[in-house]
Amino acid sequence: MSASIVSQLLWLESDTPDKPITMYINSPGGSVTSGMAIYDTMTYIKSPVSTVCVGGAASMAAILLAGGEAGKRFSLPHSSIMIHQPLGGTRGQASDIMIYANQIQKTREQSNRIMQYHLNKAKGHEKYSLEEINDLMERDKYLSPEEALELGVIDEILTKRPESEQEKKEKEEKQGGADTPQTS
């Protein structure tokens, strides 16, 4: 799935690099590695990527939601957003378990730095320390759109799709045409 999303982002950027891309998210999350591939592609391409939570964005999907273009991270009013530390499990020899534990700790630190960057960017200043982000993401934390807005995960709650420039132009032309007196 992530390979498909990455290739679509790259194709959309190559087609029209300056045109914004909107990513609609309704996901319980998933593999951190796959999610990081999507996140890195979102930040790598020239096209600005706006994100919209439609239903739910949990775990890695919440990081992708927060990783959208500043000012262009949205949620619909009845969505749910959940953040937490990375999950994982392993078994095997003690040495292999230690290797895995070290790797998941690195992944946790990486995820926390990403969230810290985007939450602080949304606030316009260093509001959250890495320690505060670590505490915030220690356990599953479910957020309403209002709570996500306050925290800085999203920038706006959408209730109605905004009109495109083309729609605005057509509406103005219709109104202008209807108000023009007709002569015979």
C-alpha atoms as a PDB file:
ATOM      1  CA  MET A   1       0.000   0.000   0.000  1.00  0.00           C
ATOM      2  CA  SER A   2       2.723   2.517   0.901  1.00  0.00           C
ATOM      3  CA  ALA A   3       4.562   1.837  -2.371  1.00  0.00           C
ATOM      4  CA  SER A   4       1.377   2.750  -4.242  1.00  0.00           C
ATOM      5  CA  ILE A   5       0.924   5.989  -2.273  1.00  0.00           C
ATOM      6  CA  VAL A   6       4.597   6.929  -2.702  1.00  0.00           C
ATOM      7  CA  SER A   7       4.439   6.308  -6.457  1.00  0.00           C
ATOM      8  CA  GLN A   8       1.204   8.317  -6.748  1.00  0.00           C
ATOM      9  CA  LEU A   9       2.740  11.266  -4.876  1.00  0.00           C
ATOM     10  CA  LEU A  10       5.806  11.161  -7.128  1.00  0.00           C
ATOM     11  CA  TRP A  11       3.672  10.918 -10.278  1.00  0.00           C
ATOM     12  CA  LEU A  12       1.400  13.800  -9.231  1.00  0.00           C
ATOM     13  CA  GLU A  13       4.451  15.939  -8.504  1.00  0.00           C
ATOM     14  CA  SER A  14       6.090  15.103 -11.842  1.00  0.00           C
ATOM     15  CA  ASP A  15       2.858  15.922 -13.675  1.00  0.00           C
ATOM     16  CA  THR A  16       2.407  19.388 -12.100  1.00  0.00           C
ATOM     17  CA  PRO A  17       5.072  20.197  -9.468  1.00  0.00           C
ATOM     18  CA  ASP A  18       3.446  23.369  -8.140  1.00  0.00           C
ATOM     19  CA  LYS A  19      -0.095  22.018  -7.918  1.00  0.00           C
ATOM     20  CA  PRO A  20      -1.160  21.131  -4.370  1.00  0.00           C
ATOM     21  CA  ILE A  21      -1.916  17.497  -3.549  1.00  0.00           C
ATOM     22  CA  THR A  22      -4.645  16.578  -1.071  1.00  0.00           C
ATOM     23  CA  MET A  23      -4.210  13.343   0.882  1.00  0.00           C
ATOM     24  CA  TYR A  24      -7.402  12.036   2.490  1.00  0.00           C
ATOM     25  CA  ILE A  25      -6.613   9.866   5.518  1.00  0.00           C
ATOM     26  CA  ASN A  26      -8.880   7.245   7.073  1.00  0.00           C
ATOM     27  CA  SER A  27      -6.510   4.712   8.590  1.00  0.00           C
ATOM     28  CA  PRO A  28      -5.838   2.829  11.819  1.00  0.00           C
ATOM     29  CA  GLY A  29      -2.118   3.214  11.128  1.00  0.00           C
ATOM     30  CA  GLY A  30       0.277   0.443  10.322  1.00  0.00           C
ATOM     31  CA  SER A  31       3.924  -0.231   9.679  1.00  0.00           C
ATOM     32  CA  VAL A  32       6.179   2.604  10.820  1.00  0.00           C
ATOM     33  CA  THR A  33       8.645   1.827   8.011  1.00  0.00           C
ATOM     34  CA  SER A  34       5.905   2.118   5.382  1.00  0.00           C
ATOM     35  CA  GLY A  35       4.532   5.244   7.029  1.00  0.00           C
ATOM     36  CA  MET A  36       7.962   6.873   7.098  1.00  0.00           C
ATOM     37  CA  ALA A  37       8.319   6.171   3.368  1.00  0.00           C
ATOM     38  CA  ILE A  38       5.101   8.120   2.784  1.00  0.00           C
ATOM     39  CA  TYR A  39       6.110  10.895   5.205  1.00  0.00           C
ATOM     40  CA  ASP A  40       9.550  11.283   3.610  1.00  0.00           C
ATOM     41  CA  THR A  41       7.979  11.453   0.147  1.00  0.00           C
ATOM     42  CA  MET A  42       5.456  14.080   1.318  1.00  0.00           C
ATOM     43  CA  THR A  43       8.293  16.277   2.556  1.00  0.00           C
ATOM     44  CA  TYR A  44      10.611  15.487  -0.385  1.00  0.00           C
ATOM     45  CA  ILE A  45       8.372  16.473  -3.280  1.00  0.00           C
ATOM     46  CA  LYS A  46       7.918  20.072  -4.426  1.00  0.00           C
ATOM     47  CA  SER A  47       4.120  19.892  -4.469  1.00  0.00           C
ATOM     48  CA  PRO A  48       2.585  21.002  -1.176  1.00  0.00           C
ATOM     49  CA  VAL A  49       0.650  18.115   0.400  1.00  0.00           C
ATOM     50  CA  SER A  50      -2.425  18.997   2.413  1.00  0.00           C
ATOM     51  CA  THR A  51      -3.887  16.322   4.669  1.00  0.00           C
ATOM     52  CA  VAL A  52      -7.517  15.721   5.587  1.00  0.00           C
ATOM     53  CA  CYS A  53      -8.646  13.298   8.293  1.00  0.00           C
ATOM     54  CA  VAL A  54     -11.849  11.622   7.138  1.00  0.00           C
ATOM     55  CA  GLY A  55     -13.073   9.244   9.844  1.00  0.00           C
ATOM     56  CA  GLY A  56      -9.890   8.433  11.693  1.00  0.00           C
ATOM     57  CA  ALA A  57      -6.133   8.806  11.737  1.00  0.00           C
ATOM     58  CA  ALA A  58      -4.432   6.628  14.316  1.00  0.00           C
ATOM     59  CA  SER A  59      -0.827   5.806  15.076  1.00  0.00           C
ATOM     60  CA  MET A  60       1.368   6.307  11.987  1.00  0.00           C
ATOM     61  CA  ALA A  61      -1.602   7.811  10.121  1.00  0.00           C
ATOM     62  CA  ALA A  62      -1.753  10.580  12.759  1.00  0.00           C
ATOM     63  CA  ILE A  63       1.909  11.386  12.063  1.00  0.00           C
ATOM     64  CA  LEU A  64       1.089  11.633   8.341  1.00  0.00           C
ATOM     65  CA  LEU A  65      -1.860  13.904   9.168  1.00  0.00           C
ATOM     66  CA  ALA A  66       0.384  16.188  11.237  1.00  0.00           C
ATOM     67  CA  GLY A  67       3.054  16.041   8.515  1.00  0.00           C
ATOM     68  CA  GLY A  68       0.936  17.849   5.934  1.00  0.00           C
ATOM     69  CA  GLU A  69       1.760  21.324   4.643  1.00  0.00           C
ATOM     70  CA  ALA A  70       1.605  23.909   7.449  1.00  0.00           C
ATOM     71  CA  GLY A  71      -1.775  25.624   7.389  1.00  0.00           C
ATOM     72  CA  LYS A  72      -3.210  22.838   5.214  1.00  0.00           C
ATOM     73  CA  ARG A  73      -3.833  20.065   7.764  1.00  0.00           C
ATOM     74  CA  PHE A  74      -7.534  19.445   8.233  1.00  0.00           C
ATOM     75  CA  SER A  75     -10.068  17.174   9.893  1.00  0.00           C
ATOM     76  CA  LEU A  76     -13.743  16.638   9.334  1.00  0.00           C
ATOM     77  CA  PRO A  77     -15.810  17.384  12.455  1.00  0.00           C
ATOM     78  CA  HIS A  78     -16.541  13.820  13.607  1.00  0.00           C
ATOM     79  CA  SER A  79     -13.142  12.264  12.983  1.00  0.00           C
ATOM     80  CA  SER A  80     -10.940  10.710  15.643  1.00  0.00           C
ATOM     81  CA  ILE A  81      -7.173  11.092  15.892  1.00  0.00           C
ATOM     82  CA  MET A  82      -5.020   8.821  18.046  1.00  0.00           C
ATOM     83  CA  ILE A  83      -1.347   9.278  18.836  1.00  0.00           C
ATOM     84  CA  HIS A  84       0.953   6.937  20.740  1.00  0.00           C
ATOM     85  CA  GLN A  85       4.435   5.496  20.821  1.00  0.00           C
ATOM     86  CA  PRO A  86       5.367   2.822  18.253  1.00  0.00           C
ATOM     87  CA  LEU A  87       4.196  -0.689  19.011  1.00  0.00           C
ATOM     88  CA  GLY A  88       6.028  -3.905  18.402  1.00  0.00           C
ATOM     89  CA  GLY A  89       6.862  -7.294  19.696  1.00  0.00           C
ATOM     90  CA  THR A  90       9.481  -9.916  19.151  1.00  0.00           C
ATOM     91  CA  ARG A  91      10.718 -13.202  20.460  1.00  0.00           C
ATOM     92  CA  GLY A  92      13.891 -15.146  20.204  1.00  0.00           C
ATOM     93  CA  GLN A  93      17.295 -15.067  21.789  1.00  0.00           C
ATOM     94  CA  ALA A  94      18.006 -12.427  24.414  1.00  0.00           C
ATOM     95  CA  SER A  95      20.530 -10.723  22.123  1.00  0.00           C
ATOM     96  CA  ASP A  96      17.956 -10.482  19.309  1.00  0.00           C
ATOM     97  CA  ILE A  97      15.373  -9.062  21.714  1.00  0.00           C
ATOM     98  CA  MET A  98      17.892  -6.395  22.794  1.00  0.00           C
ATOM     99  CA  ILE A  99      18.582  -5.479  19.157  1.00  0.00           C
ATOM    100  CA  TYR A 100      14.849  -5.118  18.527  1.00  0.00           C
ATOM    101  CA  ALA A 101      14.335  -3.095  21.724  1.00  0.00           C
ATOM    102  CA  ASN A 102      17.095  -0.681  20.676  1.00  0.00           C
ATOM    103  CA  GLN A 103      15.568  -0.327  17.218  1.00  0.00           C
ATOM    104  CA  ILE A 104      12.058   0.373  18.503  1.00  0.00           C
ATOM    105  CA  GLN A 105      13.494   2.976  20.896  1.00  0.00           C
ATOM    106  CA  LYS A 106      15.197   4.711  17.930  1.00  0.00           C
ATOM    107  CA  THR A 107      11.904   4.586  16.027  1.00  0.00           C
ATOM    108  CA  ARG A 108      10.114   6.120  19.017  1.00  0.00           C
ATOM    109  CA  GLU A 109      12.642   8.968  19.217  1.00  0.00           C
ATOM    110  CA  GLN A 110      12.328   9.566  15.467  1.00  0.00           C
ATOM    111  CA  SER A 111       8.509   9.668  15.651  1.00  0.00           C
ATOM    112  CA  ASN A 112       8.636  12.005  18.647  1.00  0.00           C
ATOM    113  CA  ARG A 113      11.015  14.404  16.846  1.00  0.00           C
ATOM    114  CA  ILE A 114       8.703  14.497  13.826  1.00  0.00           C
ATOM    115  CA  MET A 115       5.661  15.250  15.996  1.00  0.00           C
ATOM    116  CA  GLN A 116       7.597  17.860  17.977  1.00  0.00           C
ATOM    117  CA  TYR A 117       8.648  19.591  14.751  1.00  0.00           C
ATOM    118  CA  HIS A 118       5.110  19.761  13.330  1.00  0.00           C
ATOM    119  CA  LEU A 119       3.350  20.680  16.579  1.00  0.00           C
ATOM    120  CA  ASN A 120       5.847  23.468  17.286  1.00  0.00           C
ATOM    121  CA  LYS A 121       5.666  24.678  13.676  1.00  0.00           C
ATOM    122  CA  ALA A 122       1.871  24.907  14.020  1.00  0.00           C
ATOM    123  CA  LYS A 123       2.256  27.033  17.139  1.00  0.00           C
ATOM    124  CA  GLY A 124       4.919  29.226  15.543  1.00  0.00           C
ATOM    125  CA  HIS A 125       7.368  28.711  18.385  1.00  0.00           C
ATOM    126  CA  GLU A 126       8.976  26.057  20.588  1.00  0.00           C
ATOM    127  CA  LYS A 127       5.982  25.138  22.728  1.00  0.00           C
ATOM    128  CA  TYR A 128       6.674  21.438  23.242  1.00  0.00           C
ATOM    129  CA  SER A 129       9.953  19.963  24.439  1.00  0.00           C
ATOM    130  CA  LEU A 130      10.948  16.482  23.319  1.00  0.00           C
ATOM    131  CA  GLU A 131      10.222  15.292  26.861  1.00  0.00           C
ATOM    132  CA  GLU A 132       6.680  16.712  26.682  1.00  0.00           C
ATOM    133  CA  ILE A 133       6.101  14.984  23.343  1.00  0.00           C
ATOM    134  CA  ASN A 134       7.429  11.746  24.819  1.00  0.00           C
ATOM    135  CA  ASP A 135       4.969  12.056  27.728  1.00  0.00           C
ATOM    136  CA  LEU A 136       2.127  12.985  25.364  1.00  0.00           C
ATOM    137  CA  MET A 137       2.712   9.895  23.230  1.00  0.00           C
ATOM    138  CA  GLU A 138       3.480   7.481  26.097  1.00  0.00           C
ATOM    139  CA  ARG A 139       0.056   5.809  25.886  1.00  0.00           C
ATOM    140  CA  ASP A 140      -2.814   5.826  23.404  1.00  0.00           C
ATOM    141  CA  LYS A 141      -4.207   9.368  23.365  1.00  0.00           C
ATOM    142  CA  TYR A 142      -7.464   9.855  21.484  1.00  0.00           C
ATOM    143  CA  LEU A 143      -8.164  13.366  20.260  1.00  0.00           C
ATOM    144  CA  SER A 144     -11.317  14.980  18.973  1.00  0.00           C
ATOM    145  CA  PRO A 145     -10.780  17.382  16.071  1.00  0.00           C
ATOM    146  CA  GLU A 146     -11.031  20.273  18.557  1.00  0.00           C
ATOM    147  CA  GLU A 147      -8.333  18.724  20.760  1.00  0.00           C
ATOM    148  CA  ALA A 148      -6.148  18.003  17.718  1.00  0.00           C
ATOM    149  CA  LEU A 149      -6.537  21.640  16.650  1.00  0.00           C
ATOM    150  CA  GLU A 150      -5.570  22.907  20.108  1.00  0.00           C
ATOM    151  CA  LEU A 151      -2.545  20.586  20.215  1.00  0.00           C
ATOM    152  CA  GLY A 152      -1.398  21.562  16.709  1.00  0.00           C
ATOM    153  CA  VAL A 153      -1.930  18.242  14.916  1.00  0.00           C
ATOM    154  CA  ILE A 154      -4.337  19.972  12.502  1.00  0.00           C
ATOM    155  CA  ASP A 155      -4.861  23.578  11.458  1.00  0.00           C
ATOM    156  CA  GLU A 156      -8.595  23.656  10.814  1.00  0.00           C
ATOM    157  CA  ILE A 157     -11.807  21.654  11.168  1.00  0.00           C
ATOM    158  CA  LEU A 158     -13.693  21.523   7.863  1.00  0.00           C
ATOM    159  CA  THR A 159     -17.473  21.529   7.790  1.00  0.00           C
ATOM    160  CA  LYS A 160     -17.937  22.275   4.085  1.00  0.00           C
ATOM    161  CA  ARG A 161     -15.534  21.850   1.184  1.00  0.00           C
ATOM    162  CA  PRO A 162     -14.144  25.272   0.240  1.00  0.00           C
ATOM    163  CA  GLU A 163     -14.911  26.502  -3.255  1.00  0.00           C
ATOM    164  CA  SER A 164     -12.123  26.192  -5.788  1.00  0.00           C
ATOM    165  CA  GLU A 165     -10.987  29.265  -7.702  1.00  0.00           C
ATOM    166  CA  GLN A 166     -12.779  27.891 -10.786  1.00  0.00           C
ATOM    167  CA  GLU A 167     -16.026  27.443  -8.826  1.00  0.00           C
ATOM    168  CA  LYS A 168     -15.769  30.998  -7.457  1.00  0.00           C
ATOM    169  CA  LYS A 169     -15.223  32.364 -10.970  1.00  0.00           C
ATOM    170  CA  GLU A 170     -18.193  30.442 -12.388  1.00  0.00           C
ATOM    171  CA  LYS A 171     -20.404  31.591  -9.510  1.00  0.00           C
ATOM    172  CA  GLU A 172     -19.412  35.236 -10.074  1.00  0.00           C
ATOM    173  CA  GLU A 173     -20.115  34.923 -13.807  1.00  0.00           C
ATOM    174  CA  LYS A 174     -23.555  33.431 -13.110  1.00  0.00           C
ATOM    175  CA  GLN A 175     -24.418  36.144 -10.609  1.00  0.00           C
ATOM    176  CA  GLY A 176     -23.086  38.836 -12.918  1.00  0.00           C
ATOM    177  CA  GLY A 177     -25.106  37.452 -15.814  1.00  0.00           C
ATOM    178  CA  ALA A 178     -28.316  37.204 -13.761  1.00  0.00           C
ATOM    179  CA  ASP A 179     -28.023  40.798 -12.555  1.00  0.00           C
ATOM    180  CA  THR A 180     -27.365  42.229 -16.012  1.00  0.00           C
ATOM    181  CA  PRO A 181     -30.497  43.867 -17.400  1.00  0.00           C
ATOM    182  CA  GLN A 182     -31.598  42.472 -20.731  1.00  0.00           C
ATOM    183  CA  THR A 183     -32.425  44.789 -23.614  1.00  0.00           C
ATOM    184  CA  SER A 184     -34.417  43.945 -26.683  1.00  0.00           C
END
